[in-house]
Amino acid sequence: MGIDQTTLEHLARQWEDLAPEAILAEAVRCFGDKLVLASAFGPESIILLDMLVKVWPRPQAFFLDTGFHFPETLALKDRVLARFPQLQLEVVEPLMSVDQQNAIYGERLHDRNPDHCCAIRKVEPLNRALAPYKAWIAGMRREQSPTRGQIGVVQWDSRRGMVKFNPLATWTHKQVWAYIVERDLPYNPLHDEGFPSIGCSPLNCTAPVADGADPRSGRWRGKAKTECGLHA
């Protein structure tokens, strides 16, 4: 599918009020096996997978295994695969192990230079995972943070030269959890322990937050960093 920035901006306006299922159906129709879902097994990506299986017999997805995930996240991956056996999941790892990274850069790089750690363990693997595709799907929502407040339901990923779909861009936290409950979908138990946004396990990367606080305020606590670099 050939598509330019002007067309994407028009589609973003046209599709603003479409249901996520309709956006996903159109994405699958347009891109087929050149489309992939990025999943860290947050509630949004599990919802998208639940919707995708209705329009895509064998949906494609990838998971970035940073080497620092919570055990609960890895256990959830297995539960999701059991729930959706048709899922074609690629597990993508960084080019160097945690031990190799420690040997080169020293231990706890995530404390001293979290941007560099994210670049090694997330951004480079993401770029590698996306290379075979022409479009990808993410679970981003505008409500999640100010840096995501202007995302479109479809947009151009200029960094990677491909189309990006954010079908849940307009959804609220309440809508997300209502869907999870209604469909009895698996989710990370850490969400019940004060972790609204879950990334890597070191405390400076993912920490619990107080009720009513910014959902992403527990990420890279004490630093100006608000995104790992996958989306911004």
C-alpha atoms as a PDB file:
ATOM      1  CA  MET A   1       0.000   0.000   0.000  1.00  0.00           C
ATOM      2  CA  GLY A   2       1.464   3.364  -1.019  1.00  0.00           C
ATOM      3  CA  ILE A   3       0.428   6.190   1.287  1.00  0.00           C
ATOM      4  CA  ASP A   4       1.679   9.711   1.849  1.00  0.00           C
ATOM      5  CA  GLN A   5       1.585  12.074   4.798  1.00  0.00           C
ATOM      6  CA  THR A   6      -1.361  14.085   3.458  1.00  0.00           C
ATOM      7  CA  THR A   7      -3.437  10.936   2.999  1.00  0.00           C
ATOM      8  CA  LEU A   8      -2.567   9.768   6.514  1.00  0.00           C
ATOM      9  CA  GLU A   9      -3.602  13.094   8.027  1.00  0.00           C
ATOM     10  CA  HIS A  10      -6.915  12.853   6.174  1.00  0.00           C
ATOM     11  CA  LEU A  11      -7.443   9.280   7.370  1.00  0.00           C
ATOM     12  CA  ALA A  12      -6.619  10.286  10.941  1.00  0.00           C
ATOM     13  CA  ARG A  13      -9.392  12.886  10.857  1.00  0.00           C
ATOM     14  CA  GLN A  14     -11.804  10.577   9.037  1.00  0.00           C
ATOM     15  CA  TRP A  15     -11.190   7.649  11.401  1.00  0.00           C
ATOM     16  CA  GLU A  16     -11.143   9.659  14.623  1.00  0.00           C
ATOM     17  CA  ASP A  17     -14.530   8.366  15.727  1.00  0.00           C
ATOM     18  CA  LEU A  18     -14.225   4.850  14.318  1.00  0.00           C
ATOM     19  CA  ALA A  19     -14.279   1.913  16.722  1.00  0.00           C
ATOM     20  CA  PRO A  20     -10.854   0.324  17.247  1.00  0.00           C
ATOM     21  CA  GLU A  21     -12.153  -2.897  15.677  1.00  0.00           C
ATOM     22  CA  ALA A  22     -12.924  -1.024  12.447  1.00  0.00           C
ATOM     23  CA  ILE A  23      -9.472   0.575  12.385  1.00  0.00           C
ATOM     24  CA  LEU A  24      -7.821  -2.806  12.914  1.00  0.00           C
ATOM     25  CA  ALA A  25      -9.906  -4.418  10.190  1.00  0.00           C
ATOM     26  CA  GLU A  26      -8.834  -1.719   7.749  1.00  0.00           C
ATOM     27  CA  ALA A  27      -5.193  -2.055   8.816  1.00  0.00           C
ATOM     28  CA  VAL A  28      -5.293  -5.805   8.189  1.00  0.00           C
ATOM     29  CA  ARG A  29      -7.042  -5.309   4.850  1.00  0.00           C
ATOM     30  CA  CYS A  30      -4.471  -2.779   3.684  1.00  0.00           C
ATOM     31  CA  PHE A  31      -1.253  -4.360   4.937  1.00  0.00           C
ATOM     32  CA  GLY A  32      -1.876  -8.070   5.531  1.00  0.00           C
ATOM     33  CA  ASP A  33       1.299  -9.887   6.518  1.00  0.00           C
ATOM     34  CA  LYS A  34       3.254  -6.624   6.389  1.00  0.00           C
ATOM     35  CA  LEU A  35       1.448  -5.536   9.570  1.00  0.00           C
ATOM     36  CA  VAL A  36       2.555  -6.360  13.118  1.00  0.00           C
ATOM     37  CA  LEU A  37       1.403  -5.645  16.680  1.00  0.00           C
ATOM     38  CA  ALA A  38       3.985  -4.438  19.208  1.00  0.00           C
ATOM     39  CA  SER A  39       3.123  -5.952  22.571  1.00  0.00           C
ATOM     40  CA  ALA A  40       4.646  -5.511  26.008  1.00  0.00           C
ATOM     41  CA  PHE A  41       1.560  -7.289  27.370  1.00  0.00           C
ATOM     42  CA  GLY A  42       0.028  -4.175  28.825  1.00  0.00           C
ATOM     43  CA  PRO A  43      -3.773  -4.143  28.997  1.00  0.00           C
ATOM     44  CA  GLU A  44      -4.028  -2.115  25.792  1.00  0.00           C
ATOM     45  CA  SER A  45      -2.042  -4.577  23.687  1.00  0.00           C
ATOM     46  CA  ILE A  46      -4.028  -7.505  25.095  1.00  0.00           C
ATOM     47  CA  ILE A  47      -7.251  -5.725  24.137  1.00  0.00           C
ATOM     48  CA  LEU A  48      -5.913  -5.120  20.637  1.00  0.00           C
ATOM     49  CA  LEU A  49      -4.995  -8.777  20.319  1.00  0.00           C
ATOM     50  CA  ASP A  50      -8.489  -9.795  21.440  1.00  0.00           C
ATOM     51  CA  MET A  51      -9.885  -7.554  18.706  1.00  0.00           C
ATOM     52  CA  LEU A  52      -7.374  -8.651  16.066  1.00  0.00           C
ATOM     53  CA  VAL A  53      -8.172 -12.343  16.269  1.00  0.00           C
ATOM     54  CA  LYS A  54     -11.669 -11.519  15.022  1.00  0.00           C
ATOM     55  CA  VAL A  55     -10.350 -10.071  11.751  1.00  0.00           C
ATOM     56  CA  TRP A  56      -6.963 -11.792  11.333  1.00  0.00           C
ATOM     57  CA  PRO A  57      -6.781 -15.607  11.554  1.00  0.00           C
ATOM     58  CA  ARG A  58      -3.099 -15.662  12.598  1.00  0.00           C
ATOM     59  CA  PRO A  59      -2.156 -12.224  13.936  1.00  0.00           C
ATOM     60  CA  GLN A  60       1.519 -11.291  14.036  1.00  0.00           C
ATOM     61  CA  ALA A  61       3.090  -9.663  17.077  1.00  0.00           C
ATOM     62  CA  PHE A  62       6.441  -9.216  18.737  1.00  0.00           C
ATOM     63  CA  PHE A  63       7.601  -8.823  22.337  1.00  0.00           C
ATOM     64  CA  LEU A  64      10.846  -7.082  23.292  1.00  0.00           C
ATOM     65  CA  ASP A  65      12.506  -9.195  25.978  1.00  0.00           C
ATOM     66  CA  THR A  66      14.835  -6.650  27.546  1.00  0.00           C
ATOM     67  CA  GLY A  67      16.279  -9.067  30.094  1.00  0.00           C
ATOM     68  CA  PHE A  68      14.860  -6.890  32.874  1.00  0.00           C
ATOM     69  CA  HIS A  69      11.168  -7.793  32.806  1.00  0.00           C
ATOM     70  CA  PHE A  70       9.228  -8.549  35.955  1.00  0.00           C
ATOM     71  CA  PRO A  71       8.518 -12.273  36.456  1.00  0.00           C
ATOM     72  CA  GLU A  72       4.822 -11.331  36.385  1.00  0.00           C
ATOM     73  CA  THR A  73       5.220  -9.942  32.859  1.00  0.00           C
ATOM     74  CA  LEU A  74       6.906 -13.098  31.571  1.00  0.00           C
ATOM     75  CA  ALA A  75       4.262 -15.265  33.220  1.00  0.00           C
ATOM     76  CA  LEU A  76       1.559 -13.131  31.593  1.00  0.00           C
ATOM     77  CA  LYS A  77       3.143 -13.736  28.189  1.00  0.00           C
ATOM     78  CA  ASP A  78       2.595 -17.466  28.669  1.00  0.00           C
ATOM     79  CA  ARG A  79      -1.009 -16.900  29.771  1.00  0.00           C
ATOM     80  CA  VAL A  80      -1.719 -14.770  26.707  1.00  0.00           C
ATOM     81  CA  LEU A  81      -0.244 -17.411  24.392  1.00  0.00           C
ATOM     82  CA  ALA A  82      -2.476 -20.006  26.023  1.00  0.00           C
ATOM     83  CA  ARG A  83      -5.525 -17.745  25.580  1.00  0.00           C
ATOM     84  CA  PHE A  84      -4.674 -16.931  21.951  1.00  0.00           C
ATOM     85  CA  PRO A  85      -2.948 -19.981  20.443  1.00  0.00           C
ATOM     86  CA  GLN A  86      -3.323 -18.509  16.950  1.00  0.00           C
ATOM     87  CA  LEU A  87      -0.952 -15.659  17.843  1.00  0.00           C
ATOM     88  CA  GLN A  88       2.308 -15.665  15.902  1.00  0.00           C
ATOM     89  CA  LEU A  89       4.612 -14.122  18.507  1.00  0.00           C
ATOM     90  CA  GLU A  90       8.245 -13.230  17.883  1.00  0.00           C
ATOM     91  CA  VAL A  91      10.358 -12.669  20.993  1.00  0.00           C
ATOM     92  CA  VAL A  92      13.063 -10.129  20.166  1.00  0.00           C
ATOM     93  CA  GLU A  93      16.140  -9.783  22.376  1.00  0.00           C
ATOM     94  CA  PRO A  94      18.863  -7.118  22.473  1.00  0.00           C
ATOM     95  CA  LEU A  95      22.088  -7.829  20.622  1.00  0.00           C
ATOM     96  CA  MET A  96      23.940  -8.116  23.930  1.00  0.00           C
ATOM     97  CA  SER A  97      22.940  -9.881  27.121  1.00  0.00           C
ATOM     98  CA  VAL A  98      22.666  -8.049  30.434  1.00  0.00           C
ATOM     99  CA  ASP A  99      26.017  -9.549  31.477  1.00  0.00           C
ATOM    100  CA  GLN A 100      27.665  -8.359  28.262  1.00  0.00           C
ATOM    101  CA  GLN A 101      26.201  -4.897  28.744  1.00  0.00           C
ATOM    102  CA  ASN A 102      27.472  -4.812  32.332  1.00  0.00           C
ATOM    103  CA  ALA A 103      30.954  -5.843  31.192  1.00  0.00           C
ATOM    104  CA  ILE A 104      31.106  -3.037  28.628  1.00  0.00           C
ATOM    105  CA  TYR A 105      29.217  -0.203  30.341  1.00  0.00           C
ATOM    106  CA  GLY A 106      29.271  -1.212  33.995  1.00  0.00           C
ATOM    107  CA  GLU A 107      26.408  -2.405  36.131  1.00  0.00           C
ATOM    108  CA  ARG A 108      23.183  -0.444  36.588  1.00  0.00           C
ATOM    109  CA  LEU A 109      23.463   1.508  33.358  1.00  0.00           C
ATOM    110  CA  HIS A 110      19.728   2.082  33.751  1.00  0.00           C
ATOM    111  CA  ASP A 111      20.510   4.222  36.837  1.00  0.00           C
ATOM    112  CA  ARG A 112      23.381   6.199  35.346  1.00  0.00           C
ATOM    113  CA  ASN A 113      22.214   6.621  31.758  1.00  0.00           C
ATOM    114  CA  PRO A 114      18.683   5.285  31.244  1.00  0.00           C
ATOM    115  CA  ASP A 115      18.466   6.660  27.696  1.00  0.00           C
ATOM    116  CA  HIS A 116      21.496   4.614  26.673  1.00  0.00           C
ATOM    117  CA  CYS A 117      20.122   1.509  28.377  1.00  0.00           C
ATOM    118  CA  CYS A 118      16.767   1.917  26.610  1.00  0.00           C
ATOM    119  CA  ALA A 119      18.559   2.456  23.301  1.00  0.00           C
ATOM    120  CA  ILE A 120      20.379  -0.869  23.686  1.00  0.00           C
ATOM    121  CA  ARG A 121      17.621  -2.962  25.181  1.00  0.00           C
ATOM    122  CA  LYS A 122      14.499  -1.468  23.559  1.00  0.00           C
ATOM    123  CA  VAL A 123      14.996   0.913  20.649  1.00  0.00           C
ATOM    124  CA  GLU A 124      17.509  -1.091  18.626  1.00  0.00           C
ATOM    125  CA  PRO A 125      15.529  -4.344  19.052  1.00  0.00           C
ATOM    126  CA  LEU A 126      12.329  -2.511  18.077  1.00  0.00           C
ATOM    127  CA  ASN A 127      13.890  -1.150  14.895  1.00  0.00           C
ATOM    128  CA  ARG A 128      15.145  -4.623  14.040  1.00  0.00           C
ATOM    129  CA  ALA A 129      11.744  -6.198  14.752  1.00  0.00           C
ATOM    130  CA  LEU A 130       9.937  -3.673  12.552  1.00  0.00           C
ATOM    131  CA  ALA A 131      12.328  -3.869   9.601  1.00  0.00           C
ATOM    132  CA  PRO A 132      10.352  -6.542   7.656  1.00  0.00           C
ATOM    133  CA  TYR A 133       7.047  -4.677   7.962  1.00  0.00           C
ATOM    134  CA  LYS A 134       5.300  -1.676   6.413  1.00  0.00           C
ATOM    135  CA  ALA A 135       2.955  -0.845   9.302  1.00  0.00           C
ATOM    136  CA  TRP A 136       2.692  -1.506  13.005  1.00  0.00           C
ATOM    137  CA  ILE A 137       0.070  -1.341  15.745  1.00  0.00           C
ATOM    138  CA  ALA A 138       0.670   0.094  19.208  1.00  0.00           C
ATOM    139  CA  GLY A 139      -1.483   0.417  22.319  1.00  0.00           C
ATOM    140  CA  MET A 140      -0.811   4.109  22.922  1.00  0.00           C
ATOM    141  CA  ARG A 141      -3.569   6.323  24.317  1.00  0.00           C
ATOM    142  CA  ARG A 142      -3.685  10.126  24.490  1.00  0.00           C
ATOM    143  CA  GLU A 143      -4.713  10.039  28.125  1.00  0.00           C
ATOM    144  CA  GLN A 144      -1.538   8.227  29.170  1.00  0.00           C
ATOM    145  CA  SER A 145       0.790  11.231  29.188  1.00  0.00           C
ATOM    146  CA  PRO A 146       1.288  14.737  27.735  1.00  0.00           C
ATOM    147  CA  THR A 147       3.818  13.342  25.245  1.00  0.00           C
ATOM    148  CA  ARG A 148       1.059  11.164  23.790  1.00  0.00           C
ATOM    149  CA  GLY A 149      -1.718  13.737  23.874  1.00  0.00           C
ATOM    150  CA  GLN A 150      -1.671  14.499  20.147  1.00  0.00           C
ATOM    151  CA  ILE A 151      -1.241  11.037  18.646  1.00  0.00           C
ATOM    152  CA  GLY A 152      -3.510  10.072  15.766  1.00  0.00           C
ATOM    153  CA  VAL A 153      -5.394   6.830  15.375  1.00  0.00           C
ATOM    154  CA  VAL A 154      -3.220   6.436  12.284  1.00  0.00           C
ATOM    155  CA  GLN A 155      -0.009   8.368  11.663  1.00  0.00           C
ATOM    156  CA  TRP A 156       3.315   8.306   9.877  1.00  0.00           C
ATOM    157  CA  ASP A 157       6.298   6.968  11.819  1.00  0.00           C
ATOM    158  CA  SER A 158       8.911   9.174  10.237  1.00  0.00           C
ATOM    159  CA  ARG A 159      11.780   7.640  12.189  1.00  0.00           C
ATOM    160  CA  ARG A 160      11.151   4.245  10.604  1.00  0.00           C
ATOM    161  CA  GLY A 161       9.405   5.256   7.390  1.00  0.00           C
ATOM    162  CA  MET A 162       6.216   3.305   7.995  1.00  0.00           C
ATOM    163  CA  VAL A 163       2.580   3.615   9.026  1.00  0.00           C
ATOM    164  CA  LYS A 164       1.643   3.362  12.698  1.00  0.00           C
ATOM    165  CA  PHE A 165      -1.826   2.593  14.022  1.00  0.00           C
ATOM    166  CA  ASN A 166      -2.975   3.636  17.504  1.00  0.00           C
ATOM    167  CA  PRO A 167      -6.543   2.235  17.508  1.00  0.00           C
ATOM    168  CA  LEU A 168      -7.078   2.967  21.214  1.00  0.00           C
ATOM    169  CA  ALA A 169      -5.806   6.551  21.027  1.00  0.00           C
ATOM    170  CA  THR A 170      -9.126   8.041  22.161  1.00  0.00           C
ATOM    171  CA  TRP A 171      -9.911   5.471  24.858  1.00  0.00           C
ATOM    172  CA  THR A 172      -9.912   6.287  28.558  1.00  0.00           C
ATOM    173  CA  HIS A 173      -8.513   4.263  31.444  1.00  0.00           C
ATOM    174  CA  LYS A 174     -12.087   3.401  32.398  1.00  0.00           C
ATOM    175  CA  GLN A 175     -12.859   2.036  28.921  1.00  0.00           C
ATOM    176  CA  VAL A 176      -9.712  -0.094  28.948  1.00  0.00           C
ATOM    177  CA  TRP A 177     -10.511  -1.794  32.226  1.00  0.00           C
ATOM    178  CA  ALA A 178     -14.197  -2.178  31.442  1.00  0.00           C
ATOM    179  CA  TYR A 179     -13.209  -4.132  28.320  1.00  0.00           C
ATOM    180  CA  ILE A 180     -10.675  -6.253  30.241  1.00  0.00           C
ATOM    181  CA  VAL A 181     -13.293  -7.168  32.839  1.00  0.00           C
ATOM    182  CA  GLU A 182     -16.098  -7.744  30.340  1.00  0.00           C
ATOM    183  CA  ARG A 183     -13.976 -10.073  28.223  1.00  0.00           C
ATOM    184  CA  ASP A 184     -12.243 -11.676  31.232  1.00  0.00           C
ATOM    185  CA  LEU A 185      -8.856 -11.039  29.635  1.00  0.00           C
ATOM    186  CA  PRO A 186      -5.596 -11.882  31.410  1.00  0.00           C
ATOM    187  CA  TYR A 187      -3.613  -8.932  32.741  1.00  0.00           C
ATOM    188  CA  ASN A 188      -0.517  -8.270  34.809  1.00  0.00           C
ATOM    189  CA  PRO A 189      -1.260  -8.653  38.555  1.00  0.00           C
ATOM    190  CA  LEU A 190       1.119  -5.761  39.237  1.00  0.00           C
ATOM    191  CA  HIS A 191      -1.667  -3.471  38.057  1.00  0.00           C
ATOM    192  CA  ASP A 192      -3.523  -4.423  41.225  1.00  0.00           C
ATOM    193  CA  GLU A 193      -0.497  -3.414  43.307  1.00  0.00           C
ATOM    194  CA  GLY A 194      -0.223   0.226  42.231  1.00  0.00           C
ATOM    195  CA  PHE A 195       1.683  -0.163  38.957  1.00  0.00           C
ATOM    196  CA  PRO A 196      -0.412   1.485  36.202  1.00  0.00           C
ATOM    197  CA  SER A 197       2.502   1.485  33.729  1.00  0.00           C
ATOM    198  CA  ILE A 198       4.880  -1.483  33.725  1.00  0.00           C
ATOM    199  CA  GLY A 199       8.249  -1.578  32.034  1.00  0.00           C
ATOM    200  CA  CYS A 200      11.557  -3.014  33.204  1.00  0.00           C
ATOM    201  CA  SER A 201      11.870  -4.163  36.798  1.00  0.00           C
ATOM    202  CA  PRO A 202      14.595  -1.940  38.327  1.00  0.00           C
ATOM    203  CA  LEU A 203      12.891   0.463  40.740  1.00  0.00           C
ATOM    204  CA  ASN A 204      14.126   3.556  38.911  1.00  0.00           C
ATOM    205  CA  CYS A 205      12.489   2.214  35.706  1.00  0.00           C
ATOM    206  CA  THR A 206       9.121   1.111  37.108  1.00  0.00           C
ATOM    207  CA  ALA A 207       7.720   2.055  40.505  1.00  0.00           C
ATOM    208  CA  PRO A 208       4.214   2.038  42.001  1.00  0.00           C
ATOM    209  CA  VAL A 209       2.316   5.328  42.099  1.00  0.00           C
ATOM    210  CA  ALA A 210      -0.226   6.817  44.472  1.00  0.00           C
ATOM    211  CA  ASP A 211      -3.934   6.719  43.648  1.00  0.00           C
ATOM    212  CA  GLY A 212      -4.824   9.512  41.255  1.00  0.00           C
ATOM    213  CA  ALA A 213      -1.216  10.240  40.269  1.00  0.00           C
ATOM    214  CA  ASP A 214       0.000  10.484  36.674  1.00  0.00           C
ATOM    215  CA  PRO A 215      -0.039   6.853  35.457  1.00  0.00           C
ATOM    216  CA  ARG A 216       3.481   7.220  34.053  1.00  0.00           C
ATOM    217  CA  SER A 217       4.941   9.016  37.076  1.00  0.00           C
ATOM    218  CA  GLY A 218       6.375   5.719  38.265  1.00  0.00           C
ATOM    219  CA  ARG A 219       8.539   5.395  35.172  1.00  0.00           C
ATOM    220  CA  TRP A 220      12.135   6.645  35.536  1.00  0.00           C
ATOM    221  CA  ARG A 221      11.202   8.252  38.819  1.00  0.00           C
ATOM    222  CA  GLY A 222      13.313  11.267  39.707  1.00  0.00           C
ATOM    223  CA  LYS A 223      14.471  11.837  36.122  1.00  0.00           C
ATOM    224  CA  ALA A 224      13.195  14.077  33.330  1.00  0.00           C
ATOM    225  CA  LYS A 225      12.799  11.001  31.127  1.00  0.00           C
ATOM    226  CA  THR A 226       9.168  10.085  30.339  1.00  0.00           C
ATOM    227  CA  GLU A 227       9.499   7.779  27.310  1.00  0.00           C
ATOM    228  CA  CYS A 228      11.841   4.892  26.544  1.00  0.00           C
ATOM    229  CA  GLY A 229      12.275   6.005  22.933  1.00  0.00           C
ATOM    230  CA  LEU A 230      10.016   3.454  21.259  1.00  0.00           C
ATOM    231  CA  HIS A 231       7.285   6.000  20.575  1.00  0.00           C
ATOM    232  CA  ALA A 232       8.882   9.416  21.011  1.00  0.00           C
END
